[in-house]
Amino acid sequence: MIKSMTGYGKAALDITGRKLTIEIKTLNSKQLDLNLKIPGNFRDKEWEIRAMLTQRFDRGKIDFYIVAEITGEVLSYSINHALAKKYYEALKTLAHELQEPCVPEMMSLVLKMPDVMQTTREELIQNDWVSVSSAIEEAMEQADAFRINEGLVLEQDIKNRVGLILQLLEAIEPYEKRRITDLRERLLRDFSKYSGDFNGSAPDQNRFEQELIYYMEKLDITEEKVRLMKHCSYFLDTLKDTVSQGKKLGFVTQEMGREINTIGSKASDADIQMIVVQMKDELEKVKEQLGNIL
């Protein structure tokens, strides 16, 4: 089973005159990258929230939001008397200088001046935090379920592409047999053609056969084909693991790529190399999908 790194979860609850909405968005990242946006009265719980997210999510960019909507009387206000007096005296002085009367609306203007009206922060009580932490767990569950569902789609696509690589590998066989036959015939033909150019001394037939076998062995791709099949089989088995193994699968694709590249370089056949190009294309698509999973 594999998990996508893309996920979304949401939960809402009402506490002490507030409606809280908790959202979690997860995206691709090589490491765990937490980004929290929370109200001020949750600051003392920030590290606890981070611990909860770290325990649930191994990897990815995690955006966590708590949005508070006031639904009741939860804030208390106070007036900064000293500052209000300074504003009032300043306005009176300005009115006197402009020879304007002090109007009754002056007090309302003072109350609207910066920092005159102050709010006192409501502390988060323990019972409220228990409810909030439960809602966070619910949002994480949803995000995790989203990742699993996305992972199922990715898993099927990856399986299909690895299966296609195996089909292309089988498609090489008839070209490989023809290649060996054609290569042997060409070398024998060239040997016969140029064997008279040795100043009357015939070339050593046994030595030629040895060189021919050595040359053909260097071009043989049987071992590479067998290793590629084993890597593909191991890759598909790893997909079935109960824990998402994105990094491990990435390492296996590197080995698959090495074998495909070696087959292409040793093939010396246009038809086989065309198949190798298709295999490389499918493997690159697999690697792109692996960038989206844990």
Protein backbone atom coordinates (compact mmCIF):
# COMPACT_ATOMS: atom_id res chain seq x y z
CA MET A 1 0.00 0.00 0.00
CA ILE A 2 1.24 3.44 -0.83
CA LYS A 3 0.08 6.87 0.31
CA SER A 4 0.01 10.08 -1.65
CA MET A 5 1.57 13.17 -0.09
CA THR A 6 -1.46 15.17 -1.22
CA GLY A 7 -4.25 15.30 1.33
CA TYR A 8 -6.94 17.46 2.88
CA GLY A 9 -8.84 17.29 6.15
CA LYS A 10 -11.30 19.59 7.90
CA ALA A 11 -13.13 19.67 11.23
CA ALA A 12 -15.26 22.28 13.02
CA LEU A 13 -16.43 22.77 16.61
CA ASP A 14 -17.97 25.38 18.90
CA ILE A 15 -16.27 26.39 22.16
CA THR A 16 -16.91 29.28 24.58
CA GLY A 17 -18.52 31.65 22.13
CA ARG A 18 -16.30 30.75 19.17
CA LYS A 19 -16.69 28.58 16.12
CA LEU A 20 -13.36 26.99 15.25
CA THR A 21 -12.56 25.58 11.82
CA ILE A 22 -9.50 23.35 11.58
CA GLU A 23 -8.00 22.64 8.16
CA ILE A 24 -5.03 20.51 7.15
CA LYS A 25 -3.55 20.59 3.65
CA THR A 26 -0.65 18.35 2.68
CA LEU A 27 1.57 18.64 -0.39
CA ASN A 28 4.77 17.11 -1.78
CA SER A 29 8.06 17.69 0.01
CA LYS A 30 11.19 15.61 0.54
CA GLN A 31 11.14 16.41 4.26
CA LEU A 32 8.47 17.19 6.83
CA ASP A 33 7.69 20.90 6.54
CA LEU A 34 5.12 22.22 9.04
CA ASN A 35 3.41 25.57 8.59
CA LEU A 36 0.98 26.61 11.35
CA LYS A 37 -1.44 29.53 11.33
CA ILE A 38 -3.32 29.66 14.62
CA PRO A 39 -5.04 32.28 16.82
CA GLY A 40 -3.05 33.96 19.56
CA ASN A 41 -4.72 32.08 22.42
CA PHE A 42 -3.42 28.80 20.93
CA ARG A 43 0.23 29.85 20.98
CA ASP A 44 0.97 27.96 24.17
CA LYS A 45 -0.34 24.81 22.44
CA GLU A 46 1.74 25.24 19.29
CA TRP A 47 4.40 22.68 20.20
CA GLU A 48 1.75 20.17 21.22
CA ILE A 49 0.03 20.65 17.86
CA ARG A 50 3.36 20.24 16.07
CA ALA A 51 3.97 17.02 17.97
CA MET A 52 0.57 15.66 16.92
CA LEU A 53 1.22 16.49 13.27
CA THR A 54 4.77 15.09 13.34
CA GLN A 55 3.55 11.82 14.83
CA ARG A 56 0.87 11.38 12.15
CA PHE A 57 2.64 12.65 9.01
CA ASP A 58 6.09 11.31 8.10
CA ARG A 59 6.82 13.56 5.17
CA GLY A 60 5.38 16.37 3.08
CA LYS A 61 4.52 20.05 3.34
CA ILE A 62 1.80 20.37 5.99
CA ASP A 63 -0.27 23.55 6.17
CA PHE A 64 -2.31 23.67 9.39
CA TYR A 65 -4.94 26.34 10.04
CA ILE A 66 -7.24 27.18 12.93
CA VAL A 67 -9.76 29.89 12.03
CA ALA A 68 -11.82 31.34 14.90
CA GLU A 69 -15.20 32.99 14.29
CA ILE A 70 -16.69 34.85 17.26
CA THR A 71 -20.26 33.78 17.98
CA GLY A 72 -20.69 35.20 21.53
CA GLU A 73 -19.23 37.43 24.22
CA VAL A 74 -15.72 36.10 24.59
CA LEU A 75 -13.66 39.29 24.72
CA SER A 76 -13.49 41.87 27.48
CA TYR A 77 -12.51 45.47 26.79
CA SER A 78 -10.72 48.14 28.79
CA ILE A 79 -9.96 51.81 28.13
CA ASN A 80 -6.44 53.15 28.28
CA HIS A 81 -7.32 56.22 30.37
CA ALA A 82 -3.93 57.93 30.16
CA LEU A 83 -3.80 57.62 26.38
CA ALA A 84 -7.43 58.71 26.01
CA LYS A 85 -6.73 61.87 28.03
CA LYS A 86 -3.73 62.70 25.84
CA TYR A 87 -5.83 62.34 22.70
CA TYR A 88 -8.62 64.43 24.23
CA GLU A 89 -6.24 67.24 25.29
CA ALA A 90 -4.63 67.20 21.86
CA LEU A 91 -8.00 67.53 20.15
CA LYS A 92 -9.02 70.35 22.50
CA THR A 93 -5.80 72.20 21.76
CA LEU A 94 -6.29 71.73 18.03
CA ALA A 95 -9.90 73.00 18.25
CA HIS A 96 -8.75 76.07 20.22
CA GLU A 97 -6.02 76.84 17.68
CA LEU A 98 -8.52 76.54 14.86
CA GLN A 99 -11.07 78.56 16.86
CA GLU A 100 -13.56 75.73 16.59
CA PRO A 101 -15.91 74.67 19.40
CA CYS A 102 -15.39 71.41 21.25
CA VAL A 103 -18.21 69.24 19.91
CA PRO A 104 -19.83 66.32 21.82
CA GLU A 105 -18.62 63.92 19.14
CA MET A 106 -15.04 64.54 20.30
CA MET A 107 -15.30 61.74 22.89
CA SER A 108 -16.39 59.21 20.29
CA LEU A 109 -13.39 60.27 18.17
CA VAL A 110 -11.09 59.70 21.13
CA LEU A 111 -12.45 56.18 21.66
CA LYS A 112 -11.71 55.34 18.03
CA MET A 113 -8.09 56.45 18.25
CA PRO A 114 -5.40 53.71 18.10
CA ASP A 115 -4.84 51.66 21.28
CA VAL A 116 -7.49 53.49 23.34
CA MET A 117 -9.81 50.47 23.39
CA GLN A 118 -7.87 47.37 24.47
CA THR A 119 -8.97 43.76 24.46
CA THR A 120 -7.82 41.19 26.96
CA ARG A 121 -7.03 37.78 25.51
CA GLU A 122 -9.22 34.92 26.63
CA GLU A 123 -7.10 32.01 27.79
CA LEU A 124 -7.86 28.55 26.40
CA ILE A 125 -9.18 26.41 29.23
CA GLN A 126 -8.30 22.73 29.51
CA ASN A 127 -11.79 21.42 28.66
CA ASP A 128 -11.77 23.47 25.48
CA TRP A 129 -8.34 22.11 24.54
CA VAL A 130 -9.58 18.53 24.89
CA SER A 131 -12.32 19.31 22.37
CA VAL A 132 -9.90 21.09 20.06
CA SER A 133 -7.36 18.25 20.14
CA SER A 134 -10.15 15.79 19.26
CA ALA A 135 -11.09 17.97 16.30
CA ILE A 136 -7.43 18.08 15.21
CA GLU A 137 -7.36 14.28 15.32
CA GLU A 138 -10.50 14.18 13.17
CA ALA A 139 -8.95 16.53 10.58
CA MET A 140 -5.76 14.44 10.53
CA GLU A 141 -7.83 11.27 10.02
CA GLN A 142 -9.54 12.86 7.04
CA ALA A 143 -6.24 14.03 5.56
CA ASP A 144 -4.74 10.57 6.06
CA ALA A 145 -7.76 8.89 4.43
CA PHE A 146 -7.43 11.32 1.52
CA ARG A 147 -3.77 10.32 1.16
CA ILE A 148 -4.67 6.63 1.14
CA ASN A 149 -7.34 7.07 -1.54
CA GLU A 150 -4.98 9.13 -3.69
CA GLY A 151 -2.32 6.47 -3.12
CA LEU A 152 -4.60 3.75 -4.52
CA VAL A 153 -4.94 5.69 -7.77
CA LEU A 154 -1.18 6.25 -7.98
CA GLU A 155 -0.49 2.61 -7.15
CA GLN A 156 -2.64 1.35 -10.01
CA ASP A 157 -0.99 3.71 -12.47
CA ILE A 158 2.50 2.69 -11.31
CA LYS A 159 1.62 -1.03 -11.54
CA ASN A 160 0.39 -0.56 -15.09
CA ARG A 161 3.60 1.19 -16.11
CA VAL A 162 5.89 -1.42 -14.54
CA GLY A 163 3.78 -4.10 -16.23
CA LEU A 164 4.30 -2.32 -19.54
CA ILE A 165 8.07 -2.28 -18.95
CA LEU A 166 7.94 -6.07 -18.50
CA GLN A 167 5.92 -6.44 -21.70
CA LEU A 168 8.44 -4.33 -23.60
CA LEU A 169 11.22 -6.48 -22.14
CA GLU A 170 9.56 -9.59 -23.58
CA ALA A 171 9.16 -7.81 -26.91
CA ILE A 172 12.96 -7.58 -27.17
CA GLU A 173 13.44 -11.37 -27.43
CA PRO A 174 12.70 -11.93 -31.16
CA TYR A 175 14.90 -8.97 -32.11
CA GLU A 176 17.63 -10.27 -29.83
CA LYS A 177 17.69 -13.69 -31.53
CA ARG A 178 17.78 -12.06 -34.95
CA ARG A 179 20.51 -9.69 -33.80
CA ILE A 180 22.79 -12.53 -32.65
CA THR A 181 22.26 -14.46 -35.88
CA ASP A 182 22.84 -11.41 -38.08
CA LEU A 183 25.91 -10.40 -36.10
CA ARG A 184 27.47 -13.84 -36.34
CA GLU A 185 26.82 -14.06 -40.06
CA ARG A 186 28.26 -10.60 -40.65
CA LEU A 187 31.44 -11.38 -38.72
CA LEU A 188 31.91 -14.70 -40.54
CA ARG A 189 31.30 -12.99 -43.86
CA ASP A 190 33.83 -10.29 -43.06
CA PHE A 191 36.29 -12.93 -41.89
CA SER A 192 36.01 -14.78 -45.18
CA LYS A 193 36.25 -11.54 -47.11
CA TYR A 194 39.40 -10.29 -45.44
CA SER A 195 41.11 -13.62 -44.68
CA GLY A 196 43.09 -13.42 -47.97
CA ASP A 197 44.80 -10.20 -46.93
CA PHE A 198 47.36 -11.80 -44.61
CA ASN A 199 50.35 -12.08 -47.03
CA GLY A 200 49.71 -15.73 -47.78
CA SER A 201 49.42 -16.84 -44.16
CA ALA A 202 45.93 -17.98 -43.20
CA PRO A 203 44.50 -16.58 -39.95
CA ASP A 204 44.14 -18.83 -36.94
CA GLN A 205 40.59 -20.20 -37.10
CA ASN A 206 40.57 -21.17 -33.41
CA ARG A 207 41.72 -17.70 -32.37
CA PHE A 208 38.99 -16.19 -34.52
CA GLU A 209 36.35 -18.39 -32.89
CA GLN A 210 37.59 -17.35 -29.44
CA GLU A 211 37.45 -13.66 -30.35
CA LEU A 212 34.01 -14.15 -31.85
CA ILE A 213 32.70 -15.77 -28.67
CA TYR A 214 34.27 -13.02 -26.54
CA TYR A 215 32.73 -10.30 -28.70
CA MET A 216 29.28 -11.92 -28.67
CA GLU A 217 29.42 -12.36 -24.88
CA LYS A 218 30.16 -8.64 -24.46
CA LEU A 219 27.03 -7.83 -26.47
CA ASP A 220 24.84 -10.42 -24.72
CA ILE A 221 22.02 -8.79 -22.67
CA THR A 222 20.66 -11.90 -20.95
CA GLU A 223 21.99 -10.94 -17.51
CA GLU A 224 20.62 -7.42 -17.79
CA LYS A 225 17.20 -8.76 -18.77
CA VAL A 226 17.14 -11.17 -15.83
CA ARG A 227 18.18 -8.44 -13.37
CA LEU A 228 15.59 -6.03 -14.75
CA MET A 229 12.88 -8.66 -14.32
CA LYS A 230 13.97 -9.22 -10.71
CA HIS A 231 14.00 -5.48 -10.00
CA CYS A 232 10.49 -5.12 -11.43
CA SER A 233 9.27 -8.07 -9.36
CA TYR A 234 10.82 -6.62 -6.20
CA PHE A 235 9.28 -3.24 -7.00
CA LEU A 236 5.78 -4.75 -7.30
CA ASP A 237 6.27 -6.74 -4.07
CA THR A 238 7.32 -3.57 -2.23
CA LEU A 239 4.13 -1.85 -3.40
CA LYS A 240 2.19 -4.43 -1.38
CA ASP A 241 3.95 -3.49 1.86
CA THR A 242 1.60 -2.31 4.61
CA VAL A 243 3.78 0.80 5.05
CA SER A 244 4.25 3.29 2.21
CA GLN A 245 7.81 2.91 0.88
CA GLY A 246 8.29 5.84 -1.49
CA LYS A 247 12.03 6.29 -0.88
CA LYS A 248 12.73 2.56 -1.16
CA LEU A 249 10.82 2.36 -4.43
CA GLY A 250 12.87 5.29 -5.69
CA PHE A 251 16.08 3.35 -5.07
CA VAL A 252 14.68 0.33 -6.95
CA THR A 253 13.82 2.48 -9.98
CA GLN A 254 17.45 3.64 -10.07
CA GLU A 255 18.55 0.02 -10.43
CA MET A 256 15.89 -0.58 -13.08
CA GLY A 257 17.19 2.43 -14.98
CA ARG A 258 20.77 1.11 -14.92
CA GLU A 259 19.73 -2.20 -16.46
CA ILE A 260 17.60 -0.52 -19.13
CA ASN A 261 20.47 1.80 -20.05
CA THR A 262 22.91 -1.12 -20.29
CA ILE A 263 20.52 -3.04 -22.55
CA GLY A 264 20.32 -0.01 -24.81
CA SER A 265 24.08 0.50 -24.95
CA LYS A 266 24.83 -3.19 -25.64
CA ALA A 267 21.99 -3.82 -28.07
CA SER A 268 23.59 -2.45 -31.28
CA ASP A 269 20.17 -2.86 -32.88
CA ALA A 270 17.81 -0.08 -33.92
CA ASP A 271 14.63 -2.03 -33.12
CA ILE A 272 15.81 -2.96 -29.63
CA GLN A 273 16.93 0.59 -28.95
CA MET A 274 13.46 1.86 -29.92
CA ILE A 275 11.96 -0.49 -27.34
CA VAL A 276 14.52 0.69 -24.78
CA VAL A 277 13.42 4.29 -25.40
CA GLN A 278 9.83 3.30 -24.61
CA MET A 279 10.97 1.53 -21.43
CA LYS A 280 12.87 4.65 -20.36
CA ASP A 281 9.79 6.77 -20.98
CA GLU A 282 7.62 4.54 -18.79
CA LEU A 283 10.26 4.44 -16.06
CA GLU A 284 10.47 8.25 -16.01
CA LYS A 285 6.69 8.41 -15.55
CA VAL A 286 7.00 5.96 -12.66
CA LYS A 287 9.65 8.19 -11.06
CA GLU A 288 7.40 11.22 -11.44
CA GLN A 289 4.59 9.39 -9.65
CA LEU A 290 6.95 8.27 -6.89
CA GLY A 291 7.65 11.94 -6.22
CA ASN A 292 4.02 12.19 -5.08
CA ILE A 293 4.03 9.38 -2.53
CA LEU A 294 5.38 8.84 0.96
